Amino acid sequence: MRDELFLRTKVPMTKAEVRAISIDHLRLQGKQQFLDIGAGTGSVSLQAALMYPDLQVTAVEKSDAAIDIMRQNMAQFGTTNLNLIQGEAPTAIPDQQYDAIFVGGSGSNLDEIIDFALAHLTAGGALVLTLFCRKMRYRPTSI
């Protein structure tokens, strides 16, 4: 989907090229439950919901401004398979299993979010993170 299709404010949005790669790596075809953590404008959640109408999408976002623009985008696209939750991850995330998890934003809870994701990912599920690091605090490790 083109970026211009989404309503935008100053809320961060995952751009089209990154969305395309991320959704491809999430392998959502035939999946049932998808979780988007740090949903921002909702571009990843919305595109996944529209591409896979049988997929149940859960999006978690803590910012009031992001929740507002995401609700507007949900109304614009008429999505019915997307559950938007306002709250901080990982505490606000429903305690269930997910076939795919996307982390677009984490605030300062990245370690806790990764722990949650690994504990709640189904066998063979996909975890995709997109990160922008201003200052590296952690040494990269493999999971």
N, C-alpha and C. Protein backbone atom coordinates (compact mmCIF):
# COMPACT_ATOMS: atom_id res chain seq x y z
N MET A 1 0.84 -1.18 0.00
CA MET A 1 0.00 0.00 0.00
C MET A 1 0.88 1.24 0.00
N ARG A 2 0.47 2.22 -0.74
CA ARG A 2 1.23 3.47 -0.79
C ARG A 2 1.05 4.27 0.51
N ASP A 3 2.10 4.93 0.94
CA ASP A 3 2.05 5.74 2.16
C ASP A 3 0.96 6.80 2.09
N GLU A 4 0.70 7.33 0.91
CA GLU A 4 -0.26 8.41 0.75
C GLU A 4 -1.69 7.99 1.08
N LEU A 5 -1.96 6.70 1.14
CA LEU A 5 -3.30 6.22 1.45
C LEU A 5 -3.65 6.39 2.92
N PHE A 6 -2.63 6.50 3.77
CA PHE A 6 -2.85 6.61 5.21
C PHE A 6 -2.98 8.07 5.64
N LEU A 7 -3.91 8.33 6.56
CA LEU A 7 -3.97 9.64 7.19
C LEU A 7 -2.74 9.74 8.09
N ARG A 8 -2.12 10.92 8.12
CA ARG A 8 -0.87 11.06 8.86
C ARG A 8 -0.86 12.31 9.71
N THR A 9 -0.11 12.24 10.77
CA THR A 9 0.21 13.39 11.62
C THR A 9 1.70 13.26 11.89
N LYS A 10 2.15 13.76 13.03
CA LYS A 10 3.55 13.61 13.41
C LYS A 10 3.84 12.25 14.03
N VAL A 11 2.81 11.43 14.16
CA VAL A 11 2.97 10.08 14.71
C VAL A 11 3.81 9.26 13.74
N PRO A 12 4.80 8.51 14.24
CA PRO A 12 5.64 7.70 13.37
C PRO A 12 4.84 6.66 12.57
N MET A 13 5.29 6.43 11.34
CA MET A 13 4.64 5.45 10.47
C MET A 13 5.71 4.59 9.81
N THR A 14 5.48 3.29 9.79
CA THR A 14 6.36 2.39 9.06
C THR A 14 6.12 2.61 7.58
N LYS A 15 7.15 2.98 6.87
CA LYS A 15 7.03 3.34 5.45
C LYS A 15 6.79 2.11 4.58
N ALA A 16 6.29 2.35 3.38
CA ALA A 16 5.83 1.30 2.47
C ALA A 16 6.87 0.21 2.24
N GLU A 17 8.11 0.59 1.98
CA GLU A 17 9.16 -0.40 1.68
C GLU A 17 9.43 -1.29 2.89
N VAL A 18 9.47 -0.71 4.07
CA VAL A 18 9.73 -1.47 5.29
C VAL A 18 8.51 -2.33 5.62
N ARG A 19 7.31 -1.79 5.40
CA ARG A 19 6.07 -2.56 5.60
C ARG A 19 6.06 -3.79 4.71
N ALA A 20 6.39 -3.61 3.44
CA ALA A 20 6.36 -4.73 2.49
C ALA A 20 7.31 -5.84 2.92
N ILE A 21 8.52 -5.49 3.30
CA ILE A 21 9.49 -6.49 3.73
C ILE A 21 9.04 -7.14 5.04
N SER A 22 8.57 -6.33 5.98
CA SER A 22 8.14 -6.86 7.28
C SER A 22 6.98 -7.82 7.14
N ILE A 23 5.95 -7.42 6.37
CA ILE A 23 4.78 -8.28 6.19
C ILE A 23 5.18 -9.57 5.48
N ASP A 24 6.08 -9.48 4.52
CA ASP A 24 6.57 -10.68 3.85
C ASP A 24 7.24 -11.62 4.85
N HIS A 25 8.08 -11.09 5.72
CA HIS A 25 8.80 -11.92 6.69
C HIS A 25 7.90 -12.44 7.81
N LEU A 26 6.75 -11.80 8.04
CA LEU A 26 5.81 -12.27 9.05
C LEU A 26 5.06 -13.53 8.60
N ARG A 27 5.07 -13.79 7.28
CA ARG A 27 4.43 -14.99 6.73
C ARG A 27 2.99 -15.16 7.26
N LEU A 28 2.14 -14.20 6.96
CA LEU A 28 0.79 -14.15 7.52
C LEU A 28 -0.23 -15.03 6.80
N GLN A 29 0.09 -15.52 5.63
CA GLN A 29 -0.85 -16.37 4.89
C GLN A 29 -1.25 -17.58 5.74
N GLY A 30 -2.54 -17.76 5.95
CA GLY A 30 -3.05 -18.90 6.71
C GLY A 30 -2.92 -18.77 8.21
N LYS A 31 -2.40 -17.65 8.71
CA LYS A 31 -2.25 -17.44 10.15
C LYS A 31 -3.57 -16.96 10.74
N GLN A 32 -3.70 -17.08 12.06
CA GLN A 32 -4.93 -16.68 12.74
C GLN A 32 -4.77 -15.44 13.59
N GLN A 33 -3.65 -15.32 14.32
CA GLN A 33 -3.45 -14.23 15.27
C GLN A 33 -2.16 -13.47 14.98
N PHE A 34 -2.29 -12.16 14.79
CA PHE A 34 -1.14 -11.29 14.53
C PHE A 34 -1.14 -10.16 15.54
N LEU A 35 0.01 -9.87 16.13
CA LEU A 35 0.17 -8.82 17.12
C LEU A 35 1.13 -7.76 16.60
N ASP A 36 0.70 -6.50 16.66
CA ASP A 36 1.53 -5.36 16.27
C ASP A 36 1.77 -4.53 17.53
N ILE A 37 3.02 -4.47 17.98
CA ILE A 37 3.38 -3.74 19.19
C ILE A 37 3.99 -2.40 18.80
N GLY A 38 3.47 -1.32 19.35
CA GLY A 38 3.93 0.01 18.99
C GLY A 38 3.39 0.38 17.62
N ALA A 39 2.08 0.33 17.47
CA ALA A 39 1.42 0.40 16.16
C ALA A 39 1.51 1.76 15.47
N GLY A 40 1.73 2.83 16.20
CA GLY A 40 1.83 4.16 15.56
C GLY A 40 0.58 4.51 14.79
N THR A 41 0.72 4.87 13.52
CA THR A 41 -0.45 5.22 12.69
C THR A 41 -1.26 3.99 12.32
N GLY A 42 -0.70 2.81 12.53
CA GLY A 42 -1.41 1.58 12.22
C GLY A 42 -1.13 1.04 10.84
N SER A 43 -0.12 1.55 10.16
CA SER A 43 0.10 1.15 8.77
C SER A 43 0.35 -0.35 8.62
N VAL A 44 1.12 -0.95 9.52
CA VAL A 44 1.40 -2.39 9.42
C VAL A 44 0.14 -3.19 9.76
N SER A 45 -0.51 -2.84 10.86
CA SER A 45 -1.74 -3.53 11.26
C SER A 45 -2.82 -3.44 10.20
N LEU A 46 -3.02 -2.24 9.68
CA LEU A 46 -4.07 -2.03 8.69
C LEU A 46 -3.78 -2.77 7.39
N GLN A 47 -2.54 -2.70 6.92
CA GLN A 47 -2.21 -3.40 5.69
C GLN A 47 -2.37 -4.91 5.87
N ALA A 48 -1.93 -5.43 7.00
CA ALA A 48 -2.09 -6.87 7.27
C ALA A 48 -3.57 -7.24 7.34
N ALA A 49 -4.36 -6.43 8.02
CA ALA A 49 -5.80 -6.71 8.16
C ALA A 49 -6.50 -6.69 6.82
N LEU A 50 -6.10 -5.77 5.95
CA LEU A 50 -6.73 -5.67 4.64
C LEU A 50 -6.27 -6.79 3.70
N MET A 51 -5.00 -7.15 3.79
CA MET A 51 -4.47 -8.21 2.93
C MET A 51 -4.99 -9.59 3.33
N TYR A 52 -5.23 -9.79 4.63
CA TYR A 52 -5.62 -11.09 5.15
C TYR A 52 -6.89 -10.93 5.99
N PRO A 53 -8.05 -10.87 5.36
CA PRO A 53 -9.30 -10.61 6.08
C PRO A 53 -9.69 -11.67 7.11
N ASP A 54 -9.13 -12.88 7.02
CA ASP A 54 -9.42 -13.92 8.01
C ASP A 54 -8.47 -13.86 9.21
N LEU A 55 -7.49 -12.98 9.16
CA LEU A 55 -6.50 -12.81 10.23
C LEU A 55 -7.06 -11.90 11.31
N GLN A 56 -6.94 -12.31 12.58
CA GLN A 56 -7.31 -11.42 13.68
C GLN A 56 -6.07 -10.62 14.07
N VAL A 57 -6.15 -9.31 13.93
CA VAL A 57 -5.02 -8.42 14.20
C VAL A 57 -5.25 -7.70 15.53
N THR A 58 -4.25 -7.73 16.39
CA THR A 58 -4.27 -6.98 17.64
C THR A 58 -3.15 -5.96 17.57
N ALA A 59 -3.49 -4.68 17.76
CA ALA A 59 -2.50 -3.60 17.73
C ALA A 59 -2.47 -2.94 19.10
N VAL A 60 -1.26 -2.76 19.62
CA VAL A 60 -1.08 -2.12 20.93
C VAL A 60 -0.28 -0.85 20.73
N GLU A 61 -0.79 0.23 21.31
CA GLU A 61 -0.14 1.55 21.19
C GLU A 61 -0.42 2.33 22.46
N LYS A 62 0.58 3.06 22.96
CA LYS A 62 0.39 3.82 24.21
C LYS A 62 0.09 5.29 23.99
N SER A 63 0.44 5.86 22.87
CA SER A 63 0.30 7.29 22.63
C SER A 63 -1.13 7.68 22.26
N ASP A 64 -1.65 8.70 22.94
CA ASP A 64 -2.99 9.21 22.64
C ASP A 64 -3.09 9.68 21.19
N ALA A 65 -2.08 10.39 20.73
CA ALA A 65 -2.08 10.92 19.35
C ALA A 65 -2.08 9.78 18.34
N ALA A 66 -1.32 8.73 18.62
CA ALA A 66 -1.27 7.58 17.71
C ALA A 66 -2.59 6.83 17.71
N ILE A 67 -3.19 6.66 18.87
CA ILE A 67 -4.50 6.00 18.96
C ILE A 67 -5.52 6.77 18.14
N ASP A 68 -5.50 8.09 18.24
CA ASP A 68 -6.45 8.92 17.51
C ASP A 68 -6.30 8.75 16.00
N ILE A 69 -5.08 8.87 15.48
CA ILE A 69 -4.88 8.77 14.03
C ILE A 69 -5.13 7.33 13.55
N MET A 70 -4.80 6.35 14.38
CA MET A 70 -5.06 4.97 13.98
C MET A 70 -6.56 4.70 13.89
N ARG A 71 -7.33 5.22 14.85
CA ARG A 71 -8.79 5.06 14.77
C ARG A 71 -9.34 5.70 13.50
N GLN A 72 -8.80 6.85 13.13
CA GLN A 72 -9.22 7.50 11.90
C GLN A 72 -8.88 6.63 10.68
N ASN A 73 -7.69 6.07 10.68
CA ASN A 73 -7.29 5.18 9.57
C ASN A 73 -8.15 3.92 9.53
N MET A 74 -8.47 3.37 10.70
CA MET A 74 -9.33 2.18 10.74
C MET A 74 -10.70 2.50 10.15
N ALA A 75 -11.24 3.67 10.48
CA ALA A 75 -12.55 4.07 9.94
C ALA A 75 -12.46 4.29 8.43
N GLN A 76 -11.39 4.93 7.99
CA GLN A 76 -11.21 5.19 6.56
C GLN A 76 -11.17 3.90 5.75
N PHE A 77 -10.48 2.88 6.27
CA PHE A 77 -10.35 1.62 5.55
C PHE A 77 -11.46 0.62 5.87
N GLY A 78 -12.25 0.89 6.90
CA GLY A 78 -13.35 -0.01 7.25
C GLY A 78 -12.92 -1.38 7.74
N THR A 79 -11.81 -1.42 8.49
CA THR A 79 -11.31 -2.71 8.98
C THR A 79 -12.21 -3.26 10.08
N THR A 80 -12.48 -4.55 10.01
CA THR A 80 -13.33 -5.19 11.02
C THR A 80 -12.58 -6.28 11.78
N ASN A 81 -11.39 -6.61 11.34
CA ASN A 81 -10.61 -7.69 11.97
C ASN A 81 -9.41 -7.15 12.74
N LEU A 82 -9.53 -5.92 13.26
CA LEU A 82 -8.43 -5.28 13.96
C LEU A 82 -8.91 -4.80 15.33
N ASN A 83 -8.24 -5.26 16.37
CA ASN A 83 -8.54 -4.87 17.74
C ASN A 83 -7.44 -3.92 18.22
N LEU A 84 -7.78 -2.66 18.47
CA LEU A 84 -6.82 -1.65 18.92
C LEU A 84 -6.88 -1.52 20.43
N ILE A 85 -5.73 -1.65 21.06
CA ILE A 85 -5.63 -1.57 22.52
C ILE A 85 -4.71 -0.42 22.88
N GLN A 86 -5.20 0.47 23.74
CA GLN A 86 -4.33 1.54 24.22
C GLN A 86 -3.70 1.11 25.53
N GLY A 87 -2.38 1.16 25.56
CA GLY A 87 -1.66 0.79 26.77
C GLY A 87 -0.20 0.54 26.45
N GLU A 88 0.55 0.32 27.50
CA GLU A 88 1.99 0.11 27.35
C GLU A 88 2.31 -1.37 27.25
N ALA A 89 3.14 -1.70 26.29
CA ALA A 89 3.57 -3.08 26.11
C ALA A 89 4.72 -3.37 27.08
N PRO A 90 4.81 -4.57 27.59
CA PRO A 90 3.96 -5.71 27.28
C PRO A 90 2.75 -5.88 28.19
N THR A 91 2.59 -5.03 29.22
CA THR A 91 1.52 -5.26 30.21
C THR A 91 0.12 -5.17 29.61
N ALA A 92 -0.09 -4.37 28.58
CA ALA A 92 -1.42 -4.21 28.00
C ALA A 92 -1.77 -5.26 26.95
N ILE A 93 -0.82 -6.11 26.62
CA ILE A 93 -1.04 -7.10 25.56
C ILE A 93 -1.85 -8.28 26.12
N PRO A 94 -2.90 -8.70 25.40
CA PRO A 94 -3.65 -9.88 25.84
C PRO A 94 -2.75 -11.11 25.95
N ASP A 95 -2.94 -11.85 27.03
CA ASP A 95 -2.13 -13.04 27.33
C ASP A 95 -2.65 -14.22 26.54
N GLN A 96 -2.18 -14.35 25.31
CA GLN A 96 -2.59 -15.44 24.43
C GLN A 96 -1.44 -15.74 23.47
N GLN A 97 -1.59 -16.75 22.65
CA GLN A 97 -0.58 -17.11 21.66
C GLN A 97 -0.82 -16.33 20.36
N TYR A 98 0.26 -16.00 19.68
CA TYR A 98 0.21 -15.27 18.42
C TYR A 98 1.05 -16.02 17.38
N ASP A 99 0.55 -16.05 16.14
CA ASP A 99 1.26 -16.70 15.05
C ASP A 99 2.38 -15.83 14.50
N ALA A 100 2.21 -14.51 14.66
CA ALA A 100 3.21 -13.56 14.16
C ALA A 100 3.15 -12.32 15.03
N ILE A 101 4.33 -11.76 15.30
CA ILE A 101 4.43 -10.56 16.13
C ILE A 101 5.37 -9.58 15.44
N PHE A 102 4.90 -8.34 15.33
CA PHE A 102 5.70 -7.25 14.76
C PHE A 102 5.94 -6.22 15.85
N VAL A 103 7.20 -5.82 16.03
CA VAL A 103 7.54 -4.78 16.99
C VAL A 103 8.03 -3.58 16.21
N GLY A 104 7.18 -2.56 16.14
CA GLY A 104 7.54 -1.33 15.44
C GLY A 104 7.99 -0.24 16.40
N GLY A 105 7.58 -0.36 17.65
CA GLY A 105 7.96 0.60 18.68
C GLY A 105 7.96 -0.10 20.01
N SER A 106 8.84 0.35 20.91
CA SER A 106 8.95 -0.36 22.18
C SER A 106 9.09 0.56 23.37
N GLY A 107 9.20 1.87 23.15
CA GLY A 107 9.48 2.75 24.28
C GLY A 107 10.78 2.32 24.91
N SER A 108 10.77 2.15 26.20
CA SER A 108 11.99 1.70 26.89
C SER A 108 11.86 0.27 27.37
N ASN A 109 10.88 -0.47 26.82
CA ASN A 109 10.60 -1.82 27.30
C ASN A 109 11.03 -2.92 26.33
N LEU A 110 12.03 -2.70 25.53
CA LEU A 110 12.38 -3.67 24.50
C LEU A 110 12.70 -5.05 25.06
N ASP A 111 13.48 -5.13 26.12
CA ASP A 111 13.81 -6.45 26.69
C ASP A 111 12.56 -7.19 27.12
N GLU A 112 11.65 -6.50 27.82
CA GLU A 112 10.41 -7.13 28.30
C GLU A 112 9.51 -7.53 27.13
N ILE A 113 9.46 -6.70 26.10
CA ILE A 113 8.64 -7.00 24.93
C ILE A 113 9.17 -8.24 24.20
N ILE A 114 10.47 -8.33 24.04
CA ILE A 114 11.05 -9.51 23.39
C ILE A 114 10.78 -10.76 24.22
N ASP A 115 10.94 -10.67 25.54
CA ASP A 115 10.64 -11.81 26.41
C ASP A 115 9.18 -12.24 26.25
N PHE A 116 8.25 -11.26 26.26
CA PHE A 116 6.83 -11.56 26.07
C PHE A 116 6.60 -12.23 24.72
N ALA A 117 7.18 -11.64 23.68
CA ALA A 117 6.98 -12.16 22.32
C ALA A 117 7.45 -13.61 22.21
N LEU A 118 8.62 -13.91 22.71
CA LEU A 118 9.14 -15.27 22.62
C LEU A 118 8.30 -16.26 23.42
N ALA A 119 7.72 -15.81 24.53
CA ALA A 119 6.88 -16.68 25.35
C ALA A 119 5.48 -16.87 24.77
N HIS A 120 5.05 -15.97 23.87
CA HIS A 120 3.68 -16.01 23.35
C HIS A 120 3.61 -16.28 21.85
N LEU A 121 4.71 -16.66 21.27
CA LEU A 121 4.75 -16.96 19.84
C LEU A 121 4.51 -18.46 19.63
N THR A 122 3.60 -18.79 18.73
CA THR A 122 3.32 -20.19 18.45
C THR A 122 4.54 -20.84 17.80
N ALA A 123 4.62 -22.15 17.88
CA ALA A 123 5.71 -22.89 17.22
C ALA A 123 5.68 -22.58 15.73
N GLY A 124 6.80 -22.21 15.18
CA GLY A 124 6.88 -21.86 13.77
C GLY A 124 6.43 -20.45 13.46
N GLY A 125 6.09 -19.69 14.49
CA GLY A 125 5.64 -18.30 14.30
C GLY A 125 6.81 -17.39 13.94
N ALA A 126 6.47 -16.16 13.55
CA ALA A 126 7.49 -15.21 13.12
C ALA A 126 7.49 -13.98 14.01
N LEU A 127 8.68 -13.53 14.37
CA LEU A 127 8.88 -12.31 15.13
C LEU A 127 9.73 -11.37 14.29
N VAL A 128 9.19 -10.18 13.99
CA VAL A 128 9.90 -9.20 13.18
C VAL A 128 9.98 -7.90 13.98
N LEU A 129 11.19 -7.34 14.07
CA LEU A 129 11.40 -6.07 14.75
C LEU A 129 12.03 -5.09 13.78
N THR A 130 11.54 -3.86 13.80
CA THR A 130 12.21 -2.79 13.06
C THR A 130 12.64 -1.78 14.11
N LEU A 131 13.90 -1.46 14.11
CA LEU A 131 14.45 -0.62 15.16
C LEU A 131 15.24 0.54 14.58
N PHE A 132 15.12 1.66 15.24
CA PHE A 132 15.94 2.82 14.94
C PHE A 132 16.71 3.12 16.21
N CYS A 133 18.02 3.02 16.16
CA CYS A 133 18.84 3.20 17.35
C CYS A 133 19.58 4.53 17.30
N ARG A 134 19.26 5.39 18.24
CA ARG A 134 20.02 6.64 18.36
C ARG A 134 21.31 6.40 19.11
N LYS A 135 21.22 5.57 20.11
CA LYS A 135 22.39 5.26 20.92
C LYS A 135 22.30 3.78 21.29
N MET A 136 23.28 3.02 20.89
CA MET A 136 23.27 1.60 21.19
C MET A 136 23.55 1.38 22.67
N ARG A 137 22.61 0.79 23.37
CA ARG A 137 22.81 0.44 24.76
C ARG A 137 23.07 -1.06 24.92
N TYR A 138 22.72 -1.82 23.90
CA TYR A 138 22.82 -3.26 23.99
C TYR A 138 23.73 -3.79 22.91
N ARG A 139 24.39 -4.85 23.21
CA ARG A 139 25.16 -5.54 22.19
C ARG A 139 24.22 -6.42 21.40
N PRO A 140 24.30 -6.41 20.10
CA PRO A 140 23.44 -7.28 19.30
C PRO A 140 23.70 -8.74 19.63
N THR A 141 22.64 -9.49 19.78
CA THR A 141 22.73 -10.93 20.02
C THR A 141 21.74 -11.62 19.09
N SER A 142 21.93 -12.89 18.88
CA SER A 142 20.95 -13.62 18.08
C SER A 142 19.97 -14.31 18.99
N ILE A 143 18.76 -14.45 18.46
CA ILE A 143 17.71 -15.13 19.21
C ILE A 143 17.39 -16.42 18.50
